[in-house]
Structures are given as C-alpha cells and as structure tokens.
Amino acid sequence: MIVCLCHNVSTGDIAREAAGCCSFESLQEQTMVGMSCGACVSCARDTFHEHKADQPDSGESLVPAFLTQAAAHV
C-alpha cells in the first residue's frame, strides 16, 4: 500500500528501511516520507513503529555473547 503519495513511499519501503533507521526522523531523511504535505505522517509513523517492534531492541546486540567475550580477551 502506498503511504506517501508525494514521494511514492509504500508500507514495504518503510518496512525495509526501518531495519536501518534508528528513528522515524531518520526514516524521513532516507525516504522523504511525510516531508511534503504531511498527510501521511501518522500512518507512516505507525507503520515504522510496527516494524521496529518486530526487531531486537536497539540495546540488544546482534552479535552472540561468546564472540564479544572472545574479542575482549584478544
């Protein structure tokens, strides 16, 4: 579904970009979603947060603990 008509940004685009964005504002910088008329901001923000909720917390490491512990001893 197209969320932002001004910049042709879809829910799929938001889902893909959410993985690499730490905030909704960084998503806006990457996709320009909500940067023109602003009518899509609420839907885009909700979609972004739905997809971020499916990912590990930003404080949670994606590197297994045994690798970080081994690196600390090198």
PDB file of N, CA and C in Angstrom:
ATOM      1  N   MET A   1       0.846  -1.180   0.000  1.00  0.00           N
ATOM      2  CA  MET A   1       0.000   0.000   0.000  1.00  0.00           C
ATOM      3  C   MET A   1       0.893   1.246   0.000  1.00  0.00           C
ATOM      4  N   ILE A   2       0.520   2.207  -0.813  1.00  0.00           N
ATOM      5  CA  ILE A   2       1.251   3.469  -0.846  1.00  0.00           C
ATOM      6  C   ILE A   2       0.823   4.305   0.360  1.00  0.00           C
ATOM      7  N   VAL A   3       1.802   4.734   1.132  1.00  0.00           N
ATOM      8  CA  VAL A   3       1.546   5.561   2.313  1.00  0.00           C
ATOM      9  C   VAL A   3       1.709   7.034   1.953  1.00  0.00           C
ATOM     10  N   CYS A   4       2.766   7.348   1.252  1.00  0.00           N
ATOM     11  CA  CYS A   4       3.071   8.739   0.889  1.00  0.00           C
ATOM     12  C   CYS A   4       2.942   8.903  -0.626  1.00  0.00           C
ATOM     13  N   LEU A   5       1.877   9.592  -1.038  1.00  0.00           N
ATOM     14  CA  LEU A   5       1.669   9.820  -2.465  1.00  0.00           C
ATOM     15  C   LEU A   5       2.683  10.813  -3.030  1.00  0.00           C
ATOM     16  N   CYS A   6       3.073  11.785  -2.234  1.00  0.00           N
ATOM     17  CA  CYS A   6       4.008  12.811  -2.705  1.00  0.00           C
ATOM     18  C   CYS A   6       5.354  12.222  -3.131  1.00  0.00           C
ATOM     19  N   HIS A   7       5.816  11.197  -2.383  1.00  0.00           N
ATOM     20  CA  HIS A   7       7.137  10.627  -2.653  1.00  0.00           C
ATOM     21  C   HIS A   7       7.076   9.139  -2.997  1.00  0.00           C
ATOM     22  N   ASN A   8       5.848   8.624  -3.241  1.00  0.00           N
ATOM     23  CA  ASN A   8       5.642   7.241  -3.667  1.00  0.00           C
ATOM     24  C   ASN A   8       6.319   6.239  -2.721  1.00  0.00           C
ATOM     25  N   VAL A   9       6.062   6.394  -1.422  1.00  0.00           N
ATOM     26  CA  VAL A   9       6.638   5.506  -0.407  1.00  0.00           C
ATOM     27  C   VAL A   9       5.554   4.537   0.061  1.00  0.00           C
ATOM     28  N   SER A  10       5.864   3.248  -0.008  1.00  0.00           N
ATOM     29  CA  SER A  10       4.896   2.219   0.362  1.00  0.00           C
ATOM     30  C   SER A  10       5.186   1.657   1.756  1.00  0.00           C
ATOM     31  N   THR A  11       4.249   0.853   2.257  1.00  0.00           N
ATOM     32  CA  THR A  11       4.473   0.178   3.537  1.00  0.00           C
ATOM     33  C   THR A  11       5.677  -0.752   3.426  1.00  0.00           C
ATOM     34  N   GLY A  12       5.864  -1.366   2.273  1.00  0.00           N
ATOM     35  CA  GLY A  12       7.034  -2.228   2.055  1.00  0.00           C
ATOM     36  C   GLY A  12       8.335  -1.446   2.127  1.00  0.00           C
ATOM     37  N   ASP A  13       8.343  -0.244   1.565  1.00  0.00           N
ATOM     38  CA  ASP A  13       9.535   0.618   1.628  1.00  0.00           C
ATOM     39  C   ASP A  13       9.857   0.951   3.081  1.00  0.00           C
ATOM     40  N   ILE A  14       8.828   1.289   3.844  1.00  0.00           N
ATOM     41  CA  ILE A  14       9.022   1.634   5.252  1.00  0.00           C
ATOM     42  C   ILE A  14       9.536   0.425   6.021  1.00  0.00           C
ATOM     43  N   ALA A  15       8.973  -0.752   5.764  1.00  0.00           N
ATOM     44  CA  ALA A  15       9.410  -1.972   6.444  1.00  0.00           C
ATOM     45  C   ALA A  15      10.884  -2.255   6.155  1.00  0.00           C
ATOM     46  N   ARG A  16      11.296  -2.111   4.896  1.00  0.00           N
ATOM     47  CA  ARG A  16      12.700  -2.363   4.525  1.00  0.00           C
ATOM     48  C   ARG A  16      13.641  -1.351   5.174  1.00  0.00           C
ATOM     49  N   GLU A  17      13.266  -0.092   5.130  1.00  0.00           N
ATOM     50  CA  GLU A  17      14.123   0.970   5.663  1.00  0.00           C
ATOM     51  C   GLU A  17      14.158   0.990   7.188  1.00  0.00           C
ATOM     52  N   ALA A  18      13.113   0.497   7.842  1.00  0.00           N
ATOM     53  CA  ALA A  18      13.038   0.528   9.305  1.00  0.00           C
ATOM     54  C   ALA A  18      14.214  -0.192   9.941  1.00  0.00           C
ATOM     55  N   ALA A  19      14.697  -1.241   9.292  1.00  0.00           N
ATOM     56  CA  ALA A  19      15.818  -2.018   9.844  1.00  0.00           C
ATOM     57  C   ALA A  19      17.073  -1.165  10.009  1.00  0.00           C
ATOM     58  N   GLY A  20      17.286  -0.229   9.124  1.00  0.00           N
ATOM     59  CA  GLY A  20      18.492   0.577   9.186  1.00  0.00           C
ATOM     60  C   GLY A  20      18.304   1.956   9.792  1.00  0.00           C
ATOM     61  N   CYS A  21      17.113   2.254  10.244  1.00  0.00           N
ATOM     62  CA  CYS A  21      16.824   3.578  10.801  1.00  0.00           C
ATOM     63  C   CYS A  21      16.596   3.479  12.306  1.00  0.00           C
ATOM     64  N   CYS A  22      17.226   4.360  13.039  1.00  0.00           N
ATOM     65  CA  CYS A  22      17.081   4.349  14.497  1.00  0.00           C
ATOM     66  C   CYS A  22      15.900   5.196  14.968  1.00  0.00           C
ATOM     67  N   SER A  23      15.344   6.012  14.074  1.00  0.00           N
ATOM     68  CA  SER A  23      14.214   6.861  14.463  1.00  0.00           C
ATOM     69  C   SER A  23      13.340   7.140  13.248  1.00  0.00           C
ATOM     70  N   PHE A  24      12.128   7.616  13.528  1.00  0.00           N
ATOM     71  CA  PHE A  24      11.234   7.988  12.432  1.00  0.00           C
ATOM     72  C   PHE A  24      11.845   9.125  11.616  1.00  0.00           C
ATOM     73  N   GLU A  25      12.531  10.027  12.286  1.00  0.00           N
ATOM     74  CA  GLU A  25      13.155  11.150  11.588  1.00  0.00           C
ATOM     75  C   GLU A  25      14.228  10.669  10.613  1.00  0.00           C
ATOM     76  N   SER A  26      14.974   9.642  10.992  1.00  0.00           N
ATOM     77  CA  SER A  26      15.986   9.121  10.064  1.00  0.00           C
ATOM     78  C   SER A  26      15.310   8.409   8.888  1.00  0.00           C
ATOM     79  N   LEU A  27      14.155   7.782   9.128  1.00  0.00           N
ATOM     80  CA  LEU A  27      13.379   7.194   8.035  1.00  0.00           C
ATOM     81  C   LEU A  27      12.949   8.293   7.064  1.00  0.00           C
ATOM     82  N   GLN A  28      12.521   9.422   7.610  1.00  0.00           N
ATOM     83  CA  GLN A  28      12.124  10.538   6.757  1.00  0.00           C
ATOM     84  C   GLN A  28      13.292  11.033   5.908  1.00  0.00           C
ATOM     85  N   GLU A  29      14.477  11.100   6.489  1.00  0.00           N
ATOM     86  CA  GLU A  29      15.649  11.529   5.731  1.00  0.00           C
ATOM     87  C   GLU A  29      15.953  10.573   4.590  1.00  0.00           C
ATOM     88  N   GLN A  30      15.759   9.275   4.834  1.00  0.00           N
ATOM     89  CA  GLN A  30      16.063   8.261   3.822  1.00  0.00           C
ATOM     90  C   GLN A  30      15.010   8.198   2.715  1.00  0.00           C
ATOM     91  N   THR A  31      13.733   8.352   3.079  1.00  0.00           N
ATOM     92  CA  THR A  31      12.650   8.117   2.115  1.00  0.00           C
ATOM     93  C   THR A  31      11.875   9.364   1.711  1.00  0.00           C
ATOM     94  N   MET A  32      12.017  10.439   2.465  1.00  0.00           N
ATOM     95  CA  MET A  32      11.263  11.683   2.283  1.00  0.00           C
ATOM     96  C   MET A  32       9.796  11.535   2.662  1.00  0.00           C
ATOM     97  N   VAL A  33       9.416  10.421   3.288  1.00  0.00           N
ATOM     98  CA  VAL A  33       8.024  10.205   3.687  1.00  0.00           C
ATOM     99  C   VAL A  33       7.584  11.307   4.654  1.00  0.00           C
ATOM    100  N   GLY A  34       6.435  11.891   4.376  1.00  0.00           N
ATOM    101  CA  GLY A  34       5.887  12.924   5.245  1.00  0.00           C
ATOM    102  C   GLY A  34       6.576  14.265   5.174  1.00  0.00           C
ATOM    103  N   MET A  35       7.418  14.458   4.187  1.00  0.00           N
ATOM    104  CA  MET A  35       8.196  15.695   4.123  1.00  0.00           C
ATOM    105  C   MET A  35       7.584  16.760   3.205  1.00  0.00           C
ATOM    106  N   SER A  36       6.472  16.443   2.564  1.00  0.00           N
ATOM    107  CA  SER A  36       5.844  17.444   1.690  1.00  0.00           C
ATOM    108  C   SER A  36       4.549  17.943   2.318  1.00  0.00           C
ATOM    109  N   CYS A  37       3.435  17.306   2.004  1.00  0.00           N
ATOM    110  CA  CYS A  37       2.155  17.806   2.511  1.00  0.00           C
ATOM    111  C   CYS A  37       1.892  17.379   3.958  1.00  0.00           C
ATOM    112  N   GLY A  38       2.500  16.269   4.395  1.00  0.00           N
ATOM    113  CA  GLY A  38       2.369  15.826   5.777  1.00  0.00           C
ATOM    114  C   GLY A  38       1.152  14.972   6.083  1.00  0.00           C
ATOM    115  N   ALA A  39       0.294  14.738   5.100  1.00  0.00           N
ATOM    116  CA  ALA A  39      -0.928  13.969   5.338  1.00  0.00           C
ATOM    117  C   ALA A  39      -0.652  12.525   5.743  1.00  0.00           C
ATOM    118  N   CYS A  40       0.497  11.992   5.386  1.00  0.00           N
ATOM    119  CA  CYS A  40       0.809  10.582   5.639  1.00  0.00           C
ATOM    120  C   CYS A  40       1.594  10.343   6.921  1.00  0.00           C
ATOM    121  N   VAL A  41       1.980  11.385   7.627  1.00  0.00           N
ATOM    122  CA  VAL A  41       2.891  11.244   8.767  1.00  0.00           C
ATOM    123  C   VAL A  41       2.373  10.250   9.804  1.00  0.00           C
ATOM    124  N   SER A  42       1.116  10.345  10.169  1.00  0.00           N
ATOM    125  CA  SER A  42       0.559   9.464  11.198  1.00  0.00           C
ATOM    126  C   SER A  42       0.634   7.995  10.767  1.00  0.00           C
ATOM    127  N   CYS A  43       0.198   7.701   9.551  1.00  0.00           N
ATOM    128  CA  CYS A  43       0.235   6.326   9.036  1.00  0.00           C
ATOM    129  C   CYS A  43       1.676   5.842   8.885  1.00  0.00           C
ATOM    130  N   ALA A  44       2.547   6.696   8.371  1.00  0.00           N
ATOM    131  CA  ALA A  44       3.953   6.324   8.181  1.00  0.00           C
ATOM    132  C   ALA A  44       4.626   6.050   9.522  1.00  0.00           C
ATOM    133  N   ARG A  45       4.356   6.887  10.508  1.00  0.00           N
ATOM    134  CA  ARG A  45       4.943   6.713  11.841  1.00  0.00           C
ATOM    135  C   ARG A  45       4.456   5.403  12.465  1.00  0.00           C
ATOM    136  N   ASP A  46       3.155   5.130  12.353  1.00  0.00           N
ATOM    137  CA  ASP A  46       2.602   3.877  12.886  1.00  0.00           C
ATOM    138  C   ASP A  46       3.232   2.666  12.209  1.00  0.00           C
ATOM    139  N   THR A  47       3.363   2.727  10.890  1.00  0.00           N
ATOM    140  CA  THR A  47       3.966   1.626  10.136  1.00  0.00           C
ATOM    141  C   THR A  47       5.415   1.426  10.552  1.00  0.00           C
ATOM    142  N   PHE A  48       6.152   2.514  10.703  1.00  0.00           N
ATOM    143  CA  PHE A  48       7.551   2.444  11.137  1.00  0.00           C
ATOM    144  C   PHE A  48       7.654   1.757  12.499  1.00  0.00           C
ATOM    145  N   HIS A  49       6.843   2.189  13.458  1.00  0.00           N
ATOM    146  CA  HIS A  49       6.918   1.632  14.806  1.00  0.00           C
ATOM    147  C   HIS A  49       6.467   0.173  14.861  1.00  0.00           C
ATOM    148  N   GLU A  50       5.523  -0.207  14.016  1.00  0.00           N
ATOM    149  CA  GLU A  50       5.113  -1.617  13.934  1.00  0.00           C
ATOM    150  C   GLU A  50       6.293  -2.487  13.510  1.00  0.00           C
ATOM    151  N   HIS A  51       7.046  -2.023  12.535  1.00  0.00           N
ATOM    152  CA  HIS A  51       8.172  -2.807  12.032  1.00  0.00           C
ATOM    153  C   HIS A  51       9.375  -2.746  12.966  1.00  0.00           C
ATOM    154  N   LYS A  52       9.558  -1.653  13.665  1.00  0.00           N
ATOM    155  CA  LYS A  52      10.640  -1.573  14.649  1.00  0.00           C
ATOM    156  C   LYS A  52      10.357  -2.500  15.832  1.00  0.00           C
ATOM    157  N   ALA A  53       9.086  -2.679  16.175  1.00  0.00           N
ATOM    158  CA  ALA A  53       8.706  -3.552  17.291  1.00  0.00           C
ATOM    159  C   ALA A  53       9.051  -5.008  16.989  1.00  0.00           C
ATOM    160  N   ASP A  54       9.117  -5.362  15.710  1.00  0.00           N
ATOM    161  CA  ASP A  54       9.453  -6.726  15.309  1.00  0.00           C
ATOM    162  C   ASP A  54      10.952  -6.990  15.356  1.00  0.00           C
ATOM    163  N   GLN A  55      11.749  -5.951  15.554  1.00  0.00           N
ATOM    164  CA  GLN A  55      13.206  -6.076  15.567  1.00  0.00           C
ATOM    165  C   GLN A  55      13.727  -6.082  16.998  1.00  0.00           C
ATOM    166  N   PRO A  56      14.953  -6.602  17.192  1.00  0.00           N
ATOM    167  CA  PRO A  56      15.549  -6.554  18.536  1.00  0.00           C
ATOM    168  C   PRO A  56      15.673  -5.116  19.020  1.00  0.00           C
ATOM    169  N   ASP A  57      15.621  -4.927  20.331  1.00  0.00           N
ATOM    170  CA  ASP A  57      15.823  -3.598  20.912  1.00  0.00           C
ATOM    171  C   ASP A  57      17.158  -3.056  20.457  1.00  0.00           C
ATOM    172  N   SER A  58      17.245  -1.736  20.350  1.00  0.00           N
ATOM    173  CA  SER A  58      18.483  -1.124  19.886  1.00  0.00           C
ATOM    174  C   SER A  58      19.642  -1.409  20.835  1.00  0.00           C
ATOM    175  N   GLY A  59      19.359  -1.693  22.100  1.00  0.00           N
ATOM    176  CA  GLY A  59      20.414  -2.012  23.050  1.00  0.00           C
ATOM    177  C   GLY A  59      20.810  -3.475  23.026  1.00  0.00           C
ATOM    178  N   GLU A  60      20.045  -4.279  22.313  1.00  0.00           N
ATOM    179  CA  GLU A  60      20.310  -5.707  22.252  1.00  0.00           C
ATOM    180  C   GLU A  60      21.295  -5.981  21.125  1.00  0.00           C
ATOM    181  N   SER A  61      22.377  -6.629  21.443  1.00  0.00           N
ATOM    182  CA  SER A  61      23.404  -6.918  20.459  1.00  0.00           C
ATOM    183  C   SER A  61      22.960  -8.051  19.543  1.00  0.00           C
ATOM    184  N   LEU A  62      23.291  -7.912  18.271  1.00  0.00           N
ATOM    185  CA  LEU A  62      23.027  -8.977  17.313  1.00  0.00           C
ATOM    186  C   LEU A  62      24.204  -9.943  17.243  1.00  0.00           C
ATOM    187  N   VAL A  63      25.309  -9.622  17.938  1.00  0.00           N
ATOM    188  CA  VAL A  63      26.495 -10.477  17.978  1.00  0.00           C
ATOM    189  C   VAL A  63      26.365 -11.417  19.174  1.00  0.00           C
ATOM    190  N   PRO A  64      26.547 -12.726  18.951  1.00  0.00           N
ATOM    191  CA  PRO A  64      26.456 -13.666  20.070  1.00  0.00           C
ATOM    192  C   PRO A  64      27.439 -13.300  21.181  1.00  0.00           C
ATOM    193  N   ALA A  65      27.025 -13.508  22.420  1.00  0.00           N
ATOM    194  CA  ALA A  65      27.828 -13.124  23.584  1.00  0.00           C
ATOM    195  C   ALA A  65      29.209 -13.767  23.574  1.00  0.00           C
ATOM    196  N   PHE A  66      29.304 -15.037  23.132  1.00  0.00           N
ATOM    197  CA  PHE A  66      30.616 -15.693  23.162  1.00  0.00           C
ATOM    198  C   PHE A  66      31.608 -15.008  22.227  1.00  0.00           C
ATOM    199  N   LEU A  67      31.139 -14.382  21.156  1.00  0.00           N
ATOM    200  CA  LEU A  67      32.054 -13.674  20.251  1.00  0.00           C
ATOM    201  C   LEU A  67      32.532 -12.363  20.860  1.00  0.00           C
ATOM    202  N   THR A  68      31.645 -11.651  21.541  1.00  0.00           N
ATOM    203  CA  THR A  68      32.061 -10.396  22.163  1.00  0.00           C
ATOM    204  C   THR A  68      32.997 -10.661  23.334  1.00  0.00           C
ATOM    205  N   GLN A  69      32.776 -11.743  24.057  1.00  0.00           N
ATOM    206  CA  GLN A  69      33.651 -12.089  25.168  1.00  0.00           C
ATOM    207  C   GLN A  69      35.028 -12.512  24.654  1.00  0.00           C
ATOM    208  N   ALA A  70      35.045 -13.259  23.560  1.00  0.00           N
ATOM    209  CA  ALA A  70      36.327 -13.682  22.978  1.00  0.00           C
ATOM    210  C   ALA A  70      37.102 -12.477  22.457  1.00  0.00           C
ATOM    211  N   ALA A  71      36.428 -11.531  21.848  1.00  0.00           N
ATOM    212  CA  ALA A  71      37.076 -10.341  21.316  1.00  0.00           C
ATOM    213  C   ALA A  71      37.672  -9.492  22.431  1.00  0.00           C
ATOM    214  N   ALA A  72      37.040  -9.507  23.594  1.00  0.00           N
ATOM    215  CA  ALA A  72      37.531  -8.714  24.724  1.00  0.00           C
ATOM    216  C   ALA A  72      38.842  -9.259  25.255  1.00  0.00           C
ATOM    217  N   HIS A  73      39.105 -10.534  25.018  1.00  0.00           N
ATOM    218  CA  HIS A  73      40.324 -11.172  25.523  1.00  0.00           C
ATOM    219  C   HIS A  73      41.452 -11.181  24.514  1.00  0.00           C
ATOM    220  N   VAL A  74      41.256 -10.579  23.354  1.00  0.00           N
ATOM    221  CA  VAL A  74      42.282 -10.578  22.297  1.00  0.00           C
ATOM    222  C   VAL A  74      43.179  -9.397  22.443  1.00  0.00           C
TER     223      VAL A  74
END
